[in-house]
């Protein structure tokens, strides 16, 4: 039985784009954009993309999740979190923040 048959789909299977990037030296921003309005509305109504869920996915305190915003005109979500280490700091491995979105790909949406 596939996940869709079980009534859930992963973001990776239904999002048009999932990306991350710097939002300054101390913040990362994530975009999840859906091409299909019905899937976007389902994800929004299900309440699965929240400060709490983002904190759990990334293993960070909820206080480090600054914002989770649904933006209807783009059929997407904008998420902003505090970086674990400042961009370019010793031990920091992704100066541009471009490879940080992967944990979001497995978030499941009920269908």
PDB file of N, CA and C in Angstrom:
ATOM      1  N   UNK A   1       0.841  -1.176   0.000  1.00  0.00           N
ATOM      2  CA  UNK A   1       0.000   0.000   0.000  1.00  0.00           C
ATOM      3  C   UNK A   1       0.890   1.245   0.000  1.00  0.00           C
ATOM      4  N   UNK A   2       0.679   2.139  -0.955  1.00  0.00           N
ATOM      5  CA  UNK A   2       1.462   3.372  -1.007  1.00  0.00           C
ATOM      6  C   UNK A   2       0.927   4.356   0.016  1.00  0.00           C
ATOM      7  N   UNK A   3       1.703   5.395   0.278  1.00  0.00           N
ATOM      8  CA  UNK A   3       1.268   6.418   1.222  1.00  0.00           C
ATOM      9  C   UNK A   3      -0.014   7.088   0.752  1.00  0.00           C
ATOM     10  N   UNK A   4      -0.140   7.336  -0.555  1.00  0.00           N
ATOM     11  CA  UNK A   4      -1.355   7.974  -1.065  1.00  0.00           C
ATOM     12  C   UNK A   4      -2.561   7.078  -0.825  1.00  0.00           C
ATOM     13  N   UNK A   5      -2.373   5.771  -0.975  1.00  0.00           N
ATOM     14  CA  UNK A   5      -3.473   4.847  -0.711  1.00  0.00           C
ATOM     15  C   UNK A   5      -3.818   4.842   0.774  1.00  0.00           C
ATOM     16  N   UNK A   6      -2.827   5.111   1.616  1.00  0.00           N
ATOM     17  CA  UNK A   6      -3.061   5.146   3.054  1.00  0.00           C
ATOM     18  C   UNK A   6      -3.666   6.473   3.487  1.00  0.00           C
ATOM     19  N   UNK A   7      -3.848   7.395   2.545  1.00  0.00           N
ATOM     20  CA  UNK A   7      -4.465   8.675   2.861  1.00  0.00           C
ATOM     21  C   UNK A   7      -3.497   9.788   3.199  1.00  0.00           C
ATOM     22  N   UNK A   8      -2.209   9.605   2.866  1.00  0.00           N
ATOM     23  CA  UNK A   8      -1.215  10.638   3.133  1.00  0.00           C
ATOM     24  C   UNK A   8      -0.232  10.704   1.965  1.00  0.00           C
ATOM     25  N   UNK A   9       0.243  11.908   1.680  1.00  0.00           N
ATOM     26  CA  UNK A   9       1.296  12.091   0.672  1.00  0.00           C
ATOM     27  C   UNK A   9       2.398  12.938   1.291  1.00  0.00           C
ATOM     28  N   UNK A  10       3.610  12.719   0.829  1.00  0.00           N
ATOM     29  CA  UNK A  10       4.742  13.497   1.323  1.00  0.00           C
ATOM     30  C   UNK A  10       4.870  14.784   0.524  1.00  0.00           C
ATOM     31  N   UNK A  11       5.372  15.803   1.188  1.00  0.00           N
ATOM     32  CA  UNK A  11       5.625  17.097   0.540  1.00  0.00           C
ATOM     33  C   UNK A  11       6.456  16.887  -0.725  1.00  0.00           C
ATOM     34  N   UNK A  12       7.450  16.023  -0.650  1.00  0.00           N
ATOM     35  CA  UNK A  12       8.332  15.800  -1.810  1.00  0.00           C
ATOM     36  C   UNK A  12       7.565  15.351  -3.043  1.00  0.00           C
ATOM     37  N   UNK A  13       6.419  14.707  -2.844  1.00  0.00           N
ATOM     38  CA  UNK A  13       5.654  14.171  -3.965  1.00  0.00           C
ATOM     39  C   UNK A  13       4.627  15.149  -4.527  1.00  0.00           C
ATOM     40  N   UNK A  14       4.319  16.218  -3.790  1.00  0.00           N
ATOM     41  CA  UNK A  14       3.250  17.115  -4.249  1.00  0.00           C
ATOM     42  C   UNK A  14       3.642  18.581  -4.336  1.00  0.00           C
ATOM     43  N   UNK A  15       4.800  18.959  -3.801  1.00  0.00           N
ATOM     44  CA  UNK A  15       5.217  20.358  -3.857  1.00  0.00           C
ATOM     45  C   UNK A  15       5.921  20.654  -5.178  1.00  0.00           C
ATOM     46  N   UNK A  16       5.666  21.823  -5.704  1.00  0.00           N
ATOM     47  CA  UNK A  16       6.343  22.280  -6.913  1.00  0.00           C
ATOM     48  C   UNK A  16       7.790  22.656  -6.580  1.00  0.00           C
ATOM     49  N   UNK A  17       7.977  23.242  -5.391  1.00  0.00           N
ATOM     50  CA  UNK A  17       9.306  23.673  -4.973  1.00  0.00           C
ATOM     51  C   UNK A  17       9.410  23.618  -3.455  1.00  0.00           C
ATOM     52  N   UNK A  18      10.543  23.152  -2.987  1.00  0.00           N
ATOM     53  CA  UNK A  18      10.910  23.240  -1.578  1.00  0.00           C
ATOM     54  C   UNK A  18      12.346  23.735  -1.568  1.00  0.00           C
ATOM     55  N   UNK A  19      12.587  24.853  -0.907  1.00  0.00           N
ATOM     56  CA  UNK A  19      13.934  25.423  -0.941  1.00  0.00           C
ATOM     57  C   UNK A  19      14.264  26.088   0.388  1.00  0.00           C
ATOM     58  N   UNK A  20      15.555  26.374   0.562  1.00  0.00           N
ATOM     59  CA  UNK A  20      16.023  27.096   1.740  1.00  0.00           C
ATOM     60  C   UNK A  20      17.119  28.060   1.312  1.00  0.00           C
ATOM     61  N   UNK A  21      17.280  29.105   2.119  1.00  0.00           N
ATOM     62  CA  UNK A  21      18.339  30.074   1.841  1.00  0.00           C
ATOM     63  C   UNK A  21      18.554  30.949   3.073  1.00  0.00           C
ATOM     64  N   UNK A  22      19.647  31.695   3.058  1.00  0.00           N
ATOM     65  CA  UNK A  22      19.919  32.631   4.135  1.00  0.00           C
ATOM     66  C   UNK A  22      18.847  33.700   4.180  1.00  0.00           C
ATOM     67  N   UNK A  23      18.565  34.145   5.385  1.00  0.00           N
ATOM     68  CA  UNK A  23      17.734  35.329   5.590  1.00  0.00           C
ATOM     69  C   UNK A  23      18.543  36.223   6.528  1.00  0.00           C
ATOM     70  N   UNK A  24      19.757  36.509   6.118  1.00  0.00           N
ATOM     71  CA  UNK A  24      20.707  37.218   6.965  1.00  0.00           C
ATOM     72  C   UNK A  24      21.688  36.223   7.556  1.00  0.00           C
ATOM     73  N   UNK A  25      22.581  36.720   8.392  1.00  0.00           N
ATOM     74  CA  UNK A  25      23.620  35.859   8.966  1.00  0.00           C
ATOM     75  C   UNK A  25      23.107  34.892  10.012  1.00  0.00           C
ATOM     76  N   UNK A  26      21.943  35.179  10.598  1.00  0.00           N
ATOM     77  CA  UNK A  26      21.486  34.408  11.741  1.00  0.00           C
ATOM     78  C   UNK A  26      20.181  33.658  11.507  1.00  0.00           C
ATOM     79  N   UNK A  27      19.604  33.790  10.327  1.00  0.00           N
ATOM     80  CA  UNK A  27      18.313  33.169  10.038  1.00  0.00           C
ATOM     81  C   UNK A  27      18.357  32.366   8.749  1.00  0.00           C
ATOM     82  N   UNK A  28      17.513  31.350   8.680  1.00  0.00           N
ATOM     83  CA  UNK A  28      17.277  30.584   7.458  1.00  0.00           C
ATOM     84  C   UNK A  28      15.807  30.729   7.109  1.00  0.00           C
ATOM     85  N   UNK A  29      15.514  30.786   5.827  1.00  0.00           N
ATOM     86  CA  UNK A  29      14.125  30.821   5.392  1.00  0.00           C
ATOM     87  C   UNK A  29      13.874  29.653   4.446  1.00  0.00           C
ATOM     88  N   UNK A  30      12.687  29.102   4.544  1.00  0.00           N
ATOM     89  CA  UNK A  30      12.282  27.957   3.734  1.00  0.00           C
ATOM     90  C   UNK A  30      11.021  28.325   2.974  1.00  0.00           C
ATOM     91  N   UNK A  31      10.916  27.852   1.753  1.00  0.00           N
ATOM     92  CA  UNK A  31       9.706  28.033   0.955  1.00  0.00           C
ATOM     93  C   UNK A  31       9.189  26.666   0.548  1.00  0.00           C
ATOM     94  N   UNK A  32       7.893  26.478   0.722  1.00  0.00           N
ATOM     95  CA  UNK A  32       7.205  25.290   0.206  1.00  0.00           C
ATOM     96  C   UNK A  32       6.098  25.826  -0.684  1.00  0.00           C
ATOM     97  N   UNK A  33       6.168  25.523  -1.982  1.00  0.00           N
ATOM     98  CA  UNK A  33       5.204  26.050  -2.945  1.00  0.00           C
ATOM     99  C   UNK A  33       4.520  24.889  -3.651  1.00  0.00           C
ATOM    100  N   UNK A  34       3.201  24.965  -3.722  1.00  0.00           N
ATOM    101  CA  UNK A  34       2.403  23.936  -4.372  1.00  0.00           C
ATOM    102  C   UNK A  34       1.852  24.465  -5.686  1.00  0.00           C
ATOM    103  N   UNK A  35       1.881  23.646  -6.719  1.00  0.00           N
ATOM    104  CA  UNK A  35       1.292  24.025  -8.004  1.00  0.00           C
ATOM    105  C   UNK A  35      -0.221  23.840  -7.956  1.00  0.00           C
ATOM    106  N   UNK A  36      -0.650  22.840  -7.221  1.00  0.00           N
ATOM    107  CA  UNK A  36      -2.067  22.488  -7.150  1.00  0.00           C
ATOM    108  C   UNK A  36      -2.717  23.178  -5.943  1.00  0.00           C
ATOM    109  N   UNK A  37      -3.727  24.011  -6.202  1.00  0.00           N
ATOM    110  CA  UNK A  37      -4.379  24.755  -5.131  1.00  0.00           C
ATOM    111  C   UNK A  37      -5.077  23.825  -4.134  1.00  0.00           C
ATOM    112  N   UNK A  38      -5.646  22.737  -4.613  1.00  0.00           N
ATOM    113  CA  UNK A  38      -6.357  21.816  -3.721  1.00  0.00           C
ATOM    114  C   UNK A  38      -5.398  21.203  -2.697  1.00  0.00           C
ATOM    115  N   UNK A  39      -4.217  20.809  -3.127  1.00  0.00           N
ATOM    116  CA  UNK A  39      -3.233  20.235  -2.193  1.00  0.00           C
ATOM    117  C   UNK A  39      -2.767  21.310  -1.212  1.00  0.00           C
ATOM    118  N   UNK A  40      -2.512  22.517  -1.716  1.00  0.00           N
ATOM    119  CA  UNK A  40      -2.103  23.618  -0.825  1.00  0.00           C
ATOM    120  C   UNK A  40      -3.174  23.864   0.236  1.00  0.00           C
ATOM    121  N   UNK A  41      -4.426  23.964  -0.197  1.00  0.00           N
ATOM    122  CA  UNK A  41      -5.519  24.227   0.744  1.00  0.00           C
ATOM    123  C   UNK A  41      -5.659  23.079   1.748  1.00  0.00           C
ATOM    124  N   UNK A  42      -5.443  21.851   1.289  1.00  0.00           N
ATOM    125  CA  UNK A  42      -5.494  20.689   2.186  1.00  0.00           C
ATOM    126  C   UNK A  42      -4.384  20.773   3.235  1.00  0.00           C
ATOM    127  N   UNK A  43      -3.167  21.097   2.789  1.00  0.00           N
ATOM    128  CA  UNK A  43      -2.041  21.230   3.719  1.00  0.00           C
ATOM    129  C   UNK A  43      -2.294  22.350   4.718  1.00  0.00           C
ATOM    130  N   UNK A  44      -2.815  23.451   4.233  1.00  0.00           N
ATOM    131  CA  UNK A  44      -3.101  24.592   5.101  1.00  0.00           C
ATOM    132  C   UNK A  44      -4.185  24.229   6.127  1.00  0.00           C
ATOM    133  N   UNK A  45      -5.256  23.617   5.675  1.00  0.00           N
ATOM    134  CA  UNK A  45      -6.371  23.256   6.562  1.00  0.00           C
ATOM    135  C   UNK A  45      -5.970  22.185   7.577  1.00  0.00           C
ATOM    136  N   UNK A  46      -5.066  21.291   7.181  1.00  0.00           N
ATOM    137  CA  UNK A  46      -4.640  20.207   8.079  1.00  0.00           C
ATOM    138  C   UNK A  46      -3.778  20.721   9.223  1.00  0.00           C
ATOM    139  N   UNK A  47      -3.192  21.903   9.047  1.00  0.00           N
ATOM    140  CA  UNK A  47      -2.365  22.471  10.104  1.00  0.00           C
ATOM    141  C   UNK A  47      -1.108  21.671  10.403  1.00  0.00           C
ATOM    142  N   UNK A  48      -0.523  21.071   9.372  1.00  0.00           N
ATOM    143  CA  UNK A  48       0.664  20.246   9.598  1.00  0.00           C
ATOM    144  C   UNK A  48       1.971  21.033   9.519  1.00  0.00           C
ATOM    145  N   UNK A  49       1.908  22.234   8.957  1.00  0.00           N
ATOM    146  CA  UNK A  49       3.108  23.064   8.860  1.00  0.00           C
ATOM    147  C   UNK A  49       2.949  24.184   9.890  1.00  0.00           C
ATOM    148  N   UNK A  50       3.494  23.927  11.085  1.00  0.00           N
ATOM    149  CA  UNK A  50       3.342  24.837  12.217  1.00  0.00           C
ATOM    150  C   UNK A  50       4.697  25.068  12.883  1.00  0.00           C
ATOM    151  N   UNK A  51       4.746  26.022  13.796  1.00  0.00           N
ATOM    152  CA  UNK A  51       5.988  26.254  14.545  1.00  0.00           C
ATOM    153  C   UNK A  51       6.403  24.978  15.282  1.00  0.00           C
ATOM    154  N   UNK A  52       5.427  24.302  15.864  1.00  0.00           N
ATOM    155  CA  UNK A  52       5.717  23.072  16.607  1.00  0.00           C
ATOM    156  C   UNK A  52       6.261  21.975  15.690  1.00  0.00           C
ATOM    157  N   UNK A  53       5.620  21.749  14.555  1.00  0.00           N
ATOM    158  CA  UNK A  53       6.078  20.680  13.660  1.00  0.00           C
ATOM    159  C   UNK A  53       7.444  20.996  13.071  1.00  0.00           C
ATOM    160  N   UNK A  54       7.686  22.258  12.744  1.00  0.00           N
ATOM    161  CA  UNK A  54       8.997  22.649  12.202  1.00  0.00           C
ATOM    162  C   UNK A  54      10.077  22.446  13.266  1.00  0.00           C
ATOM    163  N   UNK A  55       9.790  22.824  14.500  1.00  0.00           N
ATOM    164  CA  UNK A  55      10.761  22.622  15.590  1.00  0.00           C
ATOM    165  C   UNK A  55      11.087  21.141  15.755  1.00  0.00           C
ATOM    166  N   UNK A  56      10.066  20.293  15.710  1.00  0.00           N
ATOM    167  CA  UNK A  56      10.294  18.847  15.844  1.00  0.00           C
ATOM    168  C   UNK A  56      11.121  18.313  14.689  1.00  0.00           C
ATOM    169  N   UNK A  57      10.777  18.710  13.464  1.00  0.00           N
ATOM    170  CA  UNK A  57      11.478  18.213  12.276  1.00  0.00           C
ATOM    171  C   UNK A  57      12.964  18.557  12.321  1.00  0.00           C
ATOM    172  N   UNK A  58      13.268  19.787  12.740  1.00  0.00           N
ATOM    173  CA  UNK A  58      14.663  20.231  12.742  1.00  0.00           C
ATOM    174  C   UNK A  58      15.364  20.016  14.078  1.00  0.00           C
ATOM    175  N   UNK A  59      14.640  19.496  15.072  1.00  0.00           N
ATOM    176  CA  UNK A  59      15.240  19.236  16.369  1.00  0.00           C
ATOM    177  C   UNK A  59      15.721  20.497  17.068  1.00  0.00           C
ATOM    178  N   UNK A  60      14.920  21.555  16.978  1.00  0.00           N
ATOM    179  CA  UNK A  60      15.281  22.831  17.589  1.00  0.00           C
ATOM    180  C   UNK A  60      14.159  23.263  18.535  1.00  0.00           C
ATOM    181  N   UNK A  61      14.443  24.166  19.464  1.00  0.00           N
ATOM    182  CA  UNK A  61      13.376  24.667  20.331  1.00  0.00           C
ATOM    183  C   UNK A  61      12.346  25.456  19.509  1.00  0.00           C
ATOM    184  N   UNK A  62      11.093  25.388  19.913  1.00  0.00           N
ATOM    185  CA  UNK A  62      10.042  26.116  19.203  1.00  0.00           C
ATOM    186  C   UNK A  62      10.343  27.622  19.159  1.00  0.00           C
ATOM    187  N   UNK A  63      11.019  28.138  20.170  1.00  0.00           N
ATOM    188  CA  UNK A  63      11.378  29.561  20.195  1.00  0.00           C
ATOM    189  C   UNK A  63      12.336  29.933  19.059  1.00  0.00           C
ATOM    190  N   UNK A  64      13.018  28.943  18.489  1.00  0.00           N
ATOM    191  CA  UNK A  64      13.927  29.206  17.363  1.00  0.00           C
ATOM    192  C   UNK A  64      13.198  29.255  16.024  1.00  0.00           C
ATOM    193  N   UNK A  65      11.918  28.930  16.028  1.00  0.00           N
ATOM    194  CA  UNK A  65      11.099  29.047  14.809  1.00  0.00           C
ATOM    195  C   UNK A  65      10.397  30.397  14.885  1.00  0.00           C
ATOM    196  N   UNK A  66      10.881  31.353  14.100  1.00  0.00           N
ATOM    197  CA  UNK A  66      10.342  32.706  14.175  1.00  0.00           C
ATOM    198  C   UNK A  66       8.978  32.828  13.532  1.00  0.00           C
ATOM    199  N   UNK A  67       8.812  32.195  12.392  1.00  0.00           N
ATOM    200  CA  UNK A  67       7.606  32.423  11.634  1.00  0.00           C
ATOM    201  C   UNK A  67       7.266  31.238  10.755  1.00  0.00           C
ATOM    202  N   UNK A  68       5.969  30.959  10.664  1.00  0.00           N
ATOM    203  CA  UNK A  68       5.432  30.045   9.663  1.00  0.00           C
ATOM    204  C   UNK A  68       4.225  30.762   9.088  1.00  0.00           C
ATOM    205  N   UNK A  69       4.307  31.114   7.816  1.00  0.00           N
ATOM    206  CA  UNK A  69       3.256  31.918   7.192  1.00  0.00           C
ATOM    207  C   UNK A  69       2.728  31.202   5.957  1.00  0.00           C
ATOM    208  N   UNK A  70       1.414  31.047   5.892  1.00  0.00           N
ATOM    209  CA  UNK A  70       0.767  30.554   4.672  1.00  0.00           C
ATOM    210  C   UNK A  70       0.484  31.777   3.802  1.00  0.00           C
ATOM    211  N   UNK A  71       0.825  31.676   2.523  1.00  0.00           N
ATOM    212  CA  UNK A  71       0.651  32.808   1.603  1.00  0.00           C
ATOM    213  C   UNK A  71      -0.179  32.341   0.419  1.00  0.00           C
ATOM    214  N   UNK A  72      -1.483  32.604   0.480  1.00  0.00           N
ATOM    215  CA  UNK A  72      -2.428  32.095  -0.514  1.00  0.00           C
ATOM    216  C   UNK A  72      -2.095  32.459  -1.959  1.00  0.00           C
ATOM    217  N   UNK A  73      -1.708  33.723  -2.264  1.00  0.00           N
ATOM    218  CA  UNK A  73      -1.454  34.044  -3.679  1.00  0.00           C
ATOM    219  C   UNK A  73      -0.369  33.179  -4.329  1.00  0.00           C
ATOM    220  N   UNK A  74       0.576  32.695  -3.516  1.00  0.00           N
ATOM    221  CA  UNK A  74       1.654  31.851  -4.054  1.00  0.00           C
ATOM    222  C   UNK A  74       1.397  30.372  -3.835  1.00  0.00           C
ATOM    223  N   UNK A  75       0.292  30.041  -3.159  1.00  0.00           N
ATOM    224  CA  UNK A  75      -0.003  28.648  -2.792  1.00  0.00           C
ATOM    225  C   UNK A  75       1.187  28.032  -2.059  1.00  0.00           C
ATOM    226  N   UNK A  76       1.672  28.772  -1.052  1.00  0.00           N
ATOM    227  CA  UNK A  76       2.859  28.280  -0.371  1.00  0.00           C
ATOM    228  C   UNK A  76       2.998  28.724   1.060  1.00  0.00           C
ATOM    229  N   UNK A  77       4.068  28.244   1.660  1.00  0.00           N
ATOM    230  CA  UNK A  77       4.405  28.559   3.040  1.00  0.00           C
ATOM    231  C   UNK A  77       5.808  29.140   3.083  1.00  0.00           C
ATOM    232  N   UNK A  78       5.995  30.113   3.946  1.00  0.00           N
ATOM    233  CA  UNK A  78       7.314  30.689   4.225  1.00  0.00           C
ATOM    234  C   UNK A  78       7.596  30.404   5.693  1.00  0.00           C
ATOM    235  N   UNK A  79       8.750  29.800   5.949  1.00  0.00           N
ATOM    236  CA  UNK A  79       9.161  29.429   7.303  1.00  0.00           C
ATOM    237  C   UNK A  79      10.495  30.107   7.577  1.00  0.00           C
ATOM    238  N   UNK A  80      10.644  30.712   8.744  1.00  0.00           N
ATOM    239  CA  UNK A  80      11.915  31.331   9.119  1.00  0.00           C
ATOM    240  C   UNK A  80      12.345  30.787  10.475  1.00  0.00           C
ATOM    241  N   UNK A  81      13.598  30.304  10.525  1.00  0.00           N
ATOM    242  CA  UNK A  81      14.152  29.787  11.782  1.00  0.00           C
ATOM    243  C   UNK A  81      15.511  30.434  12.048  1.00  0.00           C
ATOM    244  N   UNK A  82      15.898  30.377  13.316  1.00  0.00           N
ATOM    245  CA  UNK A  82      17.238  30.832  13.698  1.00  0.00           C
ATOM    246  C   UNK A  82      18.240  29.769  13.261  1.00  0.00           C
ATOM    247  N   UNK A  83      19.336  30.203  12.666  1.00  0.00           N
ATOM    248  CA  UNK A  83      20.392  29.260  12.265  1.00  0.00           C
ATOM    249  C   UNK A  83      21.047  28.667  13.503  1.00  0.00           C
ATOM    250  N   UNK A  84      21.405  27.383  13.455  1.00  0.00           N
ATOM    251  CA  UNK A  84      22.122  26.784  14.592  1.00  0.00           C
ATOM    252  C   UNK A  84      23.452  27.493  14.857  1.00  0.00           C
ATOM    253  N   UNK A  85      24.134  27.877  13.789  1.00  0.00           N
ATOM    254  CA  UNK A  85      25.375  28.650  13.865  1.00  0.00           C
ATOM    255  C   UNK A  85      25.270  29.794  12.854  1.00  0.00           C
ATOM    256  N   UNK A  86      25.850  30.950  13.145  1.00  0.00           N
ATOM    257  CA  UNK A  86      25.812  32.041  12.164  1.00  0.00           C
ATOM    258  C   UNK A  86      26.469  31.627  10.846  1.00  0.00           C
ATOM    259  N   UNK A  87      25.986  32.180   9.766  1.00  0.00           N
ATOM    260  CA  UNK A  87      26.536  31.893   8.444  1.00  0.00           C
ATOM    261  C   UNK A  87      28.035  32.197   8.422  1.00  0.00           C
ATOM    262  N   UNK A  88      28.827  31.214   8.019  1.00  0.00           N
ATOM    263  CA  UNK A  88      30.267  31.382   7.919  1.00  0.00           C
ATOM    264  C   UNK A  88      31.030  31.179   9.212  1.00  0.00           C
ATOM    265  N   UNK A  89      30.331  30.887  10.304  1.00  0.00           N
ATOM    266  CA  UNK A  89      30.989  30.675  11.594  1.00  0.00           C
ATOM    267  C   UNK A  89      31.776  29.362  11.561  1.00  0.00           C
ATOM    268  N   UNK A  90      32.746  29.216  12.444  1.00  0.00           N
ATOM    269  CA  UNK A  90      33.523  27.989  12.554  1.00  0.00           C
ATOM    270  C   UNK A  90      32.562  26.837  12.848  1.00  0.00           C
ATOM    271  N   UNK A  91      32.659  25.769  12.049  1.00  0.00           N
ATOM    272  CA  UNK A  91      31.809  24.603  12.233  1.00  0.00           C
ATOM    273  C   UNK A  91      30.517  24.647  11.433  1.00  0.00           C
ATOM    274  N   UNK A  92      30.198  25.777  10.876  1.00  0.00           N
ATOM    275  CA  UNK A  92      28.984  25.908  10.068  1.00  0.00           C
ATOM    276  C   UNK A  92      29.290  25.346   8.678  1.00  0.00           C
ATOM    277  N   UNK A  93      28.392  24.518   8.133  1.00  0.00           N
ATOM    278  CA  UNK A  93      28.723  23.775   6.917  1.00  0.00           C
ATOM    279  C   UNK A  93      27.968  24.203   5.662  1.00  0.00           C
ATOM    280  N   UNK A  94      27.075  25.176   5.759  1.00  0.00           N
ATOM    281  CA  UNK A  94      26.287  25.582   4.590  1.00  0.00           C
ATOM    282  C   UNK A  94      26.099  27.096   4.618  1.00  0.00           C
ATOM    283  N   UNK A  95      27.115  27.813   4.168  1.00  0.00           N
ATOM    284  CA  UNK A  95      27.148  29.267   4.259  1.00  0.00           C
ATOM    285  C   UNK A  95      25.894  29.908   3.660  1.00  0.00           C
ATOM    286  N   UNK A  96      25.391  29.374   2.562  1.00  0.00           N
ATOM    287  CA  UNK A  96      24.249  29.981   1.878  1.00  0.00           C
ATOM    288  C   UNK A  96      22.910  29.441   2.370  1.00  0.00           C
ATOM    289  N   UNK A  97      22.930  28.409   3.184  1.00  0.00           N
ATOM    290  CA  UNK A  97      21.688  27.837   3.705  1.00  0.00           C
ATOM    291  C   UNK A  97      20.877  27.103   2.661  1.00  0.00           C
ATOM    292  N   UNK A  98      21.487  26.782   1.532  1.00  0.00           N
ATOM    293  CA  UNK A  98      20.755  26.211   0.398  1.00  0.00           C
ATOM    294  C   UNK A  98      20.449  24.722   0.527  1.00  0.00           C
ATOM    295  N   UNK A  99      21.057  24.047   1.482  1.00  0.00           N
ATOM    296  CA  UNK A  99      20.866  22.598   1.598  1.00  0.00           C
ATOM    297  C   UNK A  99      20.152  22.202   2.893  1.00  0.00           C
ATOM    298  N   UNK A 100      19.403  23.102   3.470  1.00  0.00           N
ATOM    299  CA  UNK A 100      18.797  22.840   4.774  1.00  0.00           C
ATOM    300  C   UNK A 100      17.340  22.374   4.718  1.00  0.00           C
ATOM    301  N   UNK A 101      16.740  22.362   3.565  1.00  0.00           N
ATOM    302  CA  UNK A 101      15.309  22.069   3.430  1.00  0.00           C
ATOM    303  C   UNK A 101      14.955  20.585   3.492  1.00  0.00           C
ATOM    304  N   UNK A 102      15.909  19.691   3.353  1.00  0.00           N
ATOM    305  CA  UNK A 102      15.640  18.256   3.213  1.00  0.00           C
ATOM    306  C   UNK A 102      14.683  17.676   4.259  1.00  0.00           C
ATOM    307  N   UNK A 103      14.779  18.026   5.539  1.00  0.00           N
ATOM    308  CA  UNK A 103      13.839  17.437   6.500  1.00  0.00           C
ATOM    309  C   UNK A 103      12.369  17.743   6.204  1.00  0.00           C
ATOM    310  N   UNK A 104      12.097  18.811   5.493  1.00  0.00           N
ATOM    311  CA  UNK A 104      10.704  19.155   5.165  1.00  0.00           C
ATOM    312  C   UNK A 104      10.099  18.215   4.123  1.00  0.00           C
ATOM    313  N   UNK A 105      10.937  17.570   3.337  1.00  0.00           N
ATOM    314  CA  UNK A 105      10.460  16.748   2.227  1.00  0.00           C
ATOM    315  C   UNK A 105       9.597  15.563   2.665  1.00  0.00           C
ATOM    316  N   UNK A 106       9.827  15.075   3.862  1.00  0.00           N
ATOM    317  CA  UNK A 106       9.082  13.911   4.333  1.00  0.00           C
ATOM    318  C   UNK A 106       7.851  14.252   5.158  1.00  0.00           C
ATOM    319  N   UNK A 107       7.563  15.542   5.334  1.00  0.00           N
ATOM    320  CA  UNK A 107       6.331  15.937   6.013  1.00  0.00           C
ATOM    321  C   UNK A 107       5.154  15.348   5.236  1.00  0.00           C
ATOM    322  N   UNK A 108       4.190  14.805   5.939  1.00  0.00           N
ATOM    323  CA  UNK A 108       3.052  14.154   5.267  1.00  0.00           C
ATOM    324  C   UNK A 108       1.784  14.990   5.394  1.00  0.00           C
ATOM    325  N   UNK A 109       1.043  15.015   4.287  1.00  0.00           N
ATOM    326  CA  UNK A 109      -0.218  15.743   4.194  1.00  0.00           C
ATOM    327  C   UNK A 109      -1.338  14.710   4.044  1.00  0.00           C
ATOM    328  N   UNK A 110      -2.398  14.821   4.829  1.00  0.00           N
ATOM    329  CA  UNK A 110      -3.539  13.909   4.620  1.00  0.00           C
ATOM    330  C   UNK A 110      -4.261  14.263   3.333  1.00  0.00           C
ATOM    331  N   UNK A 111      -4.654  13.231   2.599  1.00  0.00           N
ATOM    332  CA  UNK A 111      -5.421  13.465   1.341  1.00  0.00           C
ATOM    333  C   UNK A 111      -6.730  12.710   1.379  1.00  0.00           C
TER     334      UNK A 111
END
